[in-house]
Structure formats: structure tokens, C-alpha cells
């Protein structure tokens, strides 16, 4: 069983994420940080930020015949700029290319140096590598701390740093033990409906579509974030009704649980809960008592 599990992990790693790399360097004279996720099918997800501003810019694209092309897009999903790298090789320590404004055709040279790879394997061990995330808040941005223990195949999230934009001042650091979800481990929203933006961090994925996250609420009195203790699978937050929904399914979709909560003093309070189960005789779902 253990050998079969190792083979499965190797298969998933080779089929899915091919390489995840962090770079630093310049676009023209402007310092930047770039993180790429290159998948085995040539699809590339990436993000970069100008060091003087710390605003993440999502630049997804494709790697084809050693040419990596990434695109910046506006709110209407129109391409506004391109980053092109000829002869891209994830093993190279240097990465050079061209940034181009697709409206004005203005161009800058890109010169980057590899900082590190997020490598996998049971024999690999390293600590405290940091990558930027796809989202930020008005005054703060995030640096995900990633560590890799020997004997475990994949790296995990060991912490998060909340940084002040432009100054790079460390506001807060939180220790964690969560599954690495790449560039999108962190999301931002108003999770307790108090009009102040908070952040959440992906915790784990389970059977089927079930996932869990950790929800950190902002305390304006202390200018810091605290773990809300919100728990549940696949939580959804409705600002209009100020309610939290939960959905959990198991057994290949045979059983479903749905619940709705309100927030009282930063705690989830159950409003209602229902469960259904697939009936083989009627070939339809029926309501059952929740455990």
C-alpha cells in the first residue's frame, strides 16, 4: 500500500505541476519579483510585483516550443501587456526577455535571476522560502512561507507574513501547517461582515470537492489579524444576507450536507442544517437525519 501511494504521488506530480520557480530582477530599471507555475501541458500561471509598489499582477500564459509568453489583462479581460521569454528553460538560473505594452508598443528588457525552485521528493528538505500571492489588501500584501520536510513528498505552507506595501515592513507573521496551493493559497474578503477586509488561507483538500480554509479577521484596534476559528467544508460568504453557507459531500456524491450560519461576536452560529442521501431504489435523493 505504501509503495502504491508513492507511485500515485509521483504520477500526480509529473502530470500536474512541472515546476514552480521564484525569480527577482528588473523590467527596465524597475525591480520586480516573479513567480511562475509551469504545468506539463504547457499552461503557465504566474504573478509578478514591482518592488516599489507590492501590487500583485497576474500574468498567465503558455510555454510552447521553448517560448514562454505571459499576458497582463485589464478588468475586462483584454490583454494589455506581454512578457516574452525565448529559449525558456526552468533549469536555467538566468531568465531574459521583453516586456511590451500592447497599446503603445513600448518595450523594456527583462533580466531576472532564479531565487529558488519549489522542488518535491521525499529526500528533499528546506525551510522558509517565500513567494508572493495573487491578492493583497489596501495597505498590506502577503508573503507565503513554504517549507519542505524530509520524508514528505510535497512542500507545505509553514506560515504567512503580512507586509506593509511600499515599505516592506513586517506587520505580522503567523505560523501555519497547510497544504500548498501554489499562487492562490490566500483569498481576501469581509468574512465577518463588519465592513473591514480580512483574509483566508487554503488549508486542505479532501475527497471530492470538499476543502477547508483558515479565516483571519482584522482587528483595527491592534492593527493585526486573528484566527476566527470558523470551521466547515467549502464555506461560502454572502454579503447581502450576511450568512455563511457550508456544503459537504461524500461517497461519490451519494451524501450531501448543507448548512447556513450567521456571525455573532465573530463566531459562527448555526441557523439551519439539512442532509440528503441518494436512494438506490428510487434513483433519487431523499432527506435524512444529519449525524
Protein backbone atom coordinates (compact mmCIF):
# COMPACT_ATOMS: atom_id res chain seq x y z
CA UNK A 1 0.00 0.00 0.00
CA UNK A 2 2.83 2.42 0.89
CA UNK A 3 4.62 1.75 -2.41
CA UNK A 4 1.40 2.25 -4.38
CA UNK A 5 0.84 5.57 -2.60
CA UNK A 6 4.35 6.74 -3.52
CA UNK A 7 3.75 5.81 -7.17
CA UNK A 8 0.48 7.75 -7.12
CA UNK A 9 2.23 10.84 -5.72
CA UNK A 10 4.93 10.66 -8.39
CA UNK A 11 2.30 10.33 -11.11
CA UNK A 12 0.33 13.31 -9.85
CA UNK A 13 3.44 15.46 -9.55
CA UNK A 14 4.66 14.69 -13.09
CA UNK A 15 1.24 15.07 -14.64
CA UNK A 16 0.26 18.27 -12.90
CA UNK A 17 2.81 20.83 -11.78
CA UNK A 18 6.10 20.60 -13.65
CA UNK A 19 7.97 23.44 -11.95
CA UNK A 20 7.35 26.34 -9.61
CA UNK A 21 10.09 28.96 -9.59
CA UNK A 22 10.72 32.31 -7.92
CA UNK A 23 12.79 34.98 -9.69
CA UNK A 24 13.93 38.51 -8.89
CA UNK A 25 15.39 41.17 -11.14
CA UNK A 26 14.34 44.07 -13.32
CA UNK A 27 11.93 45.19 -16.02
CA UNK A 28 13.92 48.07 -17.45
CA UNK A 29 15.22 49.85 -14.36
CA UNK A 30 12.31 48.78 -12.15
CA UNK A 31 12.94 45.98 -9.60
CA UNK A 32 10.41 43.14 -9.64
CA UNK A 33 9.69 39.71 -8.19
CA UNK A 34 8.23 36.97 -10.40
CA UNK A 35 6.83 33.54 -9.53
CA UNK A 36 5.91 31.01 -12.23
CA UNK A 37 3.97 27.74 -12.16
CA UNK A 38 4.66 25.72 -15.31
CA UNK A 39 2.43 22.71 -15.92
CA UNK A 40 3.30 19.67 -18.01
CA UNK A 41 0.73 20.63 -20.68
CA UNK A 42 2.45 23.99 -21.27
CA UNK A 43 -0.07 26.07 -19.33
CA UNK A 44 1.67 28.66 -17.16
CA UNK A 45 0.29 30.59 -14.22
CA UNK A 46 2.43 33.44 -12.98
CA UNK A 47 2.43 36.58 -10.92
CA UNK A 48 4.82 39.48 -10.53
CA UNK A 49 5.04 42.66 -8.49
CA UNK A 50 7.09 45.84 -8.73
CA UNK A 51 9.10 46.02 -5.52
CA UNK A 52 8.36 49.72 -5.06
CA UNK A 53 4.58 49.13 -5.01
CA UNK A 54 3.97 45.49 -3.98
CA UNK A 55 0.76 45.20 -6.01
CA UNK A 56 0.47 41.64 -7.44
CA UNK A 57 -0.10 41.42 -11.20
CA UNK A 58 -1.44 38.12 -12.56
CA UNK A 59 0.19 37.12 -15.86
CA UNK A 60 -0.95 33.74 -17.13
CA UNK A 61 0.18 32.31 -20.45
CA UNK A 62 1.69 29.35 -22.26
CA UNK A 63 5.03 27.67 -22.87
CA UNK A 64 5.32 26.41 -26.43
CA UNK A 65 8.46 25.26 -28.23
CA UNK A 66 10.66 26.87 -25.53
CA UNK A 67 8.96 30.26 -25.90
CA UNK A 68 7.19 31.45 -22.77
CA UNK A 69 4.58 34.20 -23.31
CA UNK A 70 2.69 35.72 -20.39
CA UNK A 71 -0.05 38.37 -20.60
CA UNK A 72 -1.27 41.13 -18.36
CA UNK A 73 -5.01 41.80 -18.66
CA UNK A 74 -7.36 44.59 -17.59
CA UNK A 75 -10.63 44.22 -15.67
CA UNK A 76 -12.44 43.38 -18.92
CA UNK A 77 -10.00 40.52 -19.63
CA UNK A 78 -8.37 42.42 -22.51
CA UNK A 79 -4.63 41.85 -22.97
CA UNK A 80 -2.69 45.00 -22.10
CA UNK A 81 0.93 43.83 -21.97
CA UNK A 82 3.07 40.80 -22.76
CA UNK A 83 6.17 39.28 -21.22
CA UNK A 84 8.07 37.10 -23.70
CA UNK A 85 10.97 34.79 -22.90
CA UNK A 86 12.74 32.96 -25.75
CA UNK A 87 14.52 29.65 -25.08
CA UNK A 88 12.89 29.29 -21.67
CA UNK A 89 14.38 26.52 -19.54
CA UNK A 90 13.23 26.04 -15.96
CA UNK A 91 16.72 24.73 -15.09
CA UNK A 92 18.49 27.97 -16.05
CA UNK A 93 19.43 30.44 -13.34
CA UNK A 94 19.05 33.45 -15.65
CA UNK A 95 15.85 34.50 -17.39
CA UNK A 96 15.85 37.25 -20.01
CA UNK A 97 13.01 38.56 -22.10
CA UNK A 98 10.95 41.54 -23.20
CA UNK A 99 8.04 43.38 -21.60
CA UNK A 100 5.78 45.08 -24.18
CA UNK A 101 2.83 47.46 -23.80
CA UNK A 102 0.33 46.13 -26.37
CA UNK A 103 -1.32 49.54 -26.77
CA UNK A 104 1.68 51.80 -27.19
CA UNK A 105 4.23 49.13 -28.25
CA UNK A 106 6.63 50.49 -25.63
CA UNK A 107 9.17 47.86 -24.63
CA UNK A 108 11.57 47.13 -21.76
CA UNK A 109 14.21 44.44 -21.31
CA UNK A 110 13.58 41.86 -18.60
CA UNK A 111 16.56 40.47 -16.68
CA UNK A 112 15.87 38.03 -13.84
CA UNK A 113 17.80 35.65 -11.61
CA UNK A 114 16.34 32.48 -10.16
CA UNK A 115 15.95 32.62 -6.37
CA UNK A 116 14.75 29.05 -5.83
CA UNK A 117 12.61 26.15 -7.06
CA UNK A 118 9.72 24.68 -5.08
CA UNK A 119 11.01 21.15 -5.58
CA UNK A 120 9.40 17.91 -4.39
CA UNK A 121 10.51 14.45 -3.32
CA UNK A 122 10.93 12.58 -0.07
CA UNK A 123 14.71 13.14 0.01
CA UNK A 124 14.42 16.94 -0.35
CA UNK A 125 14.47 19.22 2.69
CA UNK A 126 14.49 23.02 3.03
CA UNK A 127 12.88 25.78 5.09
CA UNK A 128 11.26 29.18 4.88
CA UNK A 129 11.15 30.00 1.19
CA UNK A 130 8.79 32.89 0.46
CA UNK A 131 6.52 33.60 -2.51
CA UNK A 132 4.11 36.44 -3.18
CA UNK A 133 0.41 35.76 -3.67
CA UNK A 134 -2.17 36.77 -6.28
CA UNK A 135 -4.16 39.01 -3.91
CA UNK A 136 -3.45 41.83 -1.50
CA UNK A 137 -5.24 44.32 0.72
CA UNK A 138 -5.30 48.12 0.55
CA UNK A 139 -2.23 48.63 2.73
CA UNK A 140 -0.88 45.08 3.10
CA UNK A 141 0.43 42.30 0.90
CA UNK A 142 1.30 38.67 1.68
CA UNK A 143 4.40 36.53 1.55
CA UNK A 144 3.66 32.82 1.84
CA UNK A 145 6.29 30.88 3.81
CA UNK A 146 6.92 27.38 2.41
CA UNK A 147 8.96 24.56 3.91
CA UNK A 148 9.76 21.01 2.83
CA UNK A 149 10.34 18.22 5.35
CA UNK A 150 12.38 15.14 4.56
CA UNK A 151 10.17 12.07 4.25
CA UNK A 152 7.20 14.07 2.92
CA UNK A 153 6.76 14.26 -0.84
CA UNK A 154 5.29 17.77 -1.17
CA UNK A 155 6.20 21.10 0.40
CA UNK A 156 3.70 22.68 2.79
CA UNK A 157 2.77 26.16 3.91
CA UNK A 158 4.54 26.77 7.22
CA UNK A 159 3.50 30.39 7.69
CA UNK A 160 2.46 33.72 6.22
CA UNK A 161 3.92 37.19 6.53
CA UNK A 162 1.66 40.24 6.36
CA UNK A 163 3.75 43.07 4.94
CA UNK A 164 3.19 46.80 4.60
CA UNK A 165 3.12 47.96 1.00
CA UNK A 166 5.96 50.16 -0.31
CA UNK A 167 7.94 49.99 2.96
CA UNK A 168 8.08 46.15 3.16
CA UNK A 169 7.70 46.46 6.92
CA UNK A 170 6.66 43.20 8.60
CA UNK A 171 3.25 43.78 10.20
CA UNK A 172 2.63 40.25 11.44
CA UNK A 173 3.82 36.67 10.98
CA UNK A 174 1.56 33.66 11.56
CA UNK A 175 2.79 30.05 11.83
CA UNK A 176 0.76 27.51 9.85
CA UNK A 177 0.66 23.90 8.69
CA UNK A 178 -1.38 23.89 5.47
CA UNK A 179 -1.42 22.30 2.05
CA UNK A 180 0.43 24.27 -0.63
CA UNK A 181 -1.99 25.51 -3.29
CA UNK A 182 0.54 27.50 -5.30
CA UNK A 183 -0.04 31.14 -6.10
CA UNK A 184 -3.62 31.16 -4.89
CA UNK A 185 -3.33 29.97 -1.29
CA UNK A 186 -4.68 33.28 0.01
CA UNK A 187 -8.03 35.00 -0.64
CA UNK A 188 -9.38 38.28 0.69
CA UNK A 189 -12.95 39.17 1.69
CA UNK A 190 -15.02 40.55 4.57
CA UNK A 191 -15.63 37.26 6.37
CA UNK A 192 -17.39 38.59 9.47
CA UNK A 193 -19.41 41.25 7.62
CA UNK A 194 -18.08 44.20 9.65
CA UNK A 195 -17.09 46.26 6.62
CA UNK A 196 -13.38 45.55 7.04
CA UNK A 197 -11.46 43.29 4.67
CA UNK A 198 -9.95 40.09 6.08
CA UNK A 199 -8.00 37.22 4.54
CA UNK A 200 -8.26 33.45 4.38
CA UNK A 201 -5.71 30.78 3.67
CA UNK A 202 -6.35 27.47 1.95
CA UNK A 203 -5.87 24.66 4.48
CA UNK A 204 -6.60 21.28 2.91
CA UNK A 205 -8.44 19.47 0.13
CA UNK A 206 -10.34 16.27 0.82
CA UNK A 207 -12.40 13.69 -1.08
CA UNK A 208 -14.46 15.18 -3.88
CA UNK A 209 -14.81 18.97 -3.92
CA UNK A 210 -14.51 19.35 -0.14
CA UNK A 211 -11.95 21.90 1.05
CA UNK A 212 -11.17 23.80 4.24
CA UNK A 213 -9.59 27.19 4.83
CA UNK A 214 -8.43 29.25 7.79
CA UNK A 215 -10.10 32.65 8.20
CA UNK A 216 -8.18 35.55 9.74
CA UNK A 217 -10.14 38.61 10.81
CA UNK A 218 -8.67 42.10 11.12
CA UNK A 219 -8.72 43.88 14.47
CA UNK A 220 -8.39 47.65 13.82
CA UNK A 221 -7.56 48.30 17.49
CA UNK A 222 -4.40 46.20 17.34
CA UNK A 223 -3.76 46.56 13.58
CA UNK A 224 -3.40 42.78 13.41
CA UNK A 225 -5.21 39.65 12.27
CA UNK A 226 -6.51 36.80 14.43
CA UNK A 227 -7.73 33.30 13.61
CA UNK A 228 -11.54 33.44 13.63
CA UNK A 229 -11.97 29.77 14.41
CA UNK A 230 -14.51 29.50 11.58
CA UNK A 231 -14.75 25.82 10.66
CA UNK A 232 -16.54 23.83 8.00
CA UNK A 233 -16.07 22.49 4.49
CA UNK A 234 -16.31 24.62 1.37
CA UNK A 235 -17.61 27.69 3.17
CA UNK A 236 -19.28 30.48 1.17
CA UNK A 237 -19.89 34.05 2.34
CA UNK A 238 -22.95 36.07 1.29
CA UNK A 239 -22.57 39.81 1.94
CA UNK A 240 -26.22 40.56 1.12
CA UNK A 241 -27.71 38.17 3.66
CA UNK A 242 -24.64 38.26 5.93
CA UNK A 243 -24.69 34.49 6.19
CA UNK A 244 -22.15 31.71 5.77
CA UNK A 245 -23.06 28.58 3.82
CA UNK A 246 -21.42 25.20 4.15
CA UNK A 247 -21.55 22.20 1.84
CA UNK A 248 -20.06 18.76 2.34
CA UNK A 249 -20.43 15.74 0.13
CA UNK A 250 -19.03 12.23 0.35
CA UNK A 251 -19.27 8.73 -1.04
CA UNK A 252 -19.02 9.79 -4.69
CA UNK A 253 -21.84 12.29 -4.27
CA UNK A 254 -24.20 9.90 -2.51
CA UNK A 255 -24.45 12.02 0.64
CA UNK A 256 -24.75 15.80 0.90
CA UNK A 257 -24.87 18.10 3.91
CA UNK A 258 -25.80 21.78 3.67
CA UNK A 259 -25.78 24.31 6.49
CA UNK A 260 -26.28 28.03 7.00
CA UNK A 261 -24.76 30.21 9.71
CA UNK A 262 -24.85 33.78 10.94
CA UNK A 263 -21.96 35.59 12.60
CA UNK A 264 -22.40 36.71 16.20
CA UNK A 265 -19.44 38.25 18.04
CA UNK A 266 -17.11 36.81 15.41
CA UNK A 267 -18.48 33.28 15.96
CA UNK A 268 -20.40 31.06 13.53
CA UNK A 269 -23.90 30.37 14.85
CA UNK A 270 -25.93 27.64 13.12
CA UNK A 271 -29.24 28.74 11.58
CA UNK A 272 -30.24 25.55 9.78
CA UNK A 273 -28.81 22.27 8.56
CA UNK A 274 -30.07 19.62 6.16
CA UNK A 275 -28.85 16.31 4.75
CA UNK A 276 -29.81 14.22 1.75
CA UNK A 277 -28.84 10.74 0.64
CA UNK A 278 -29.17 9.00 -2.73
CA UNK A 279 -31.75 6.20 -2.65
CA UNK A 280 -30.79 3.29 -4.91
CA UNK A 281 -34.40 2.07 -5.10
CA UNK A 282 -35.98 5.34 -6.24
CA UNK A 283 -32.85 6.57 -8.01
CA UNK A 284 -33.35 9.94 -6.34
CA UNK A 285 -32.23 11.83 -3.25
CA UNK A 286 -34.18 11.69 0.00
CA UNK A 287 -33.96 13.79 3.14
CA UNK A 288 -32.24 12.04 6.04
CA UNK A 289 -31.29 12.91 9.60
CA UNK A 290 -27.93 14.63 9.92
CA UNK A 291 -25.36 12.91 12.14
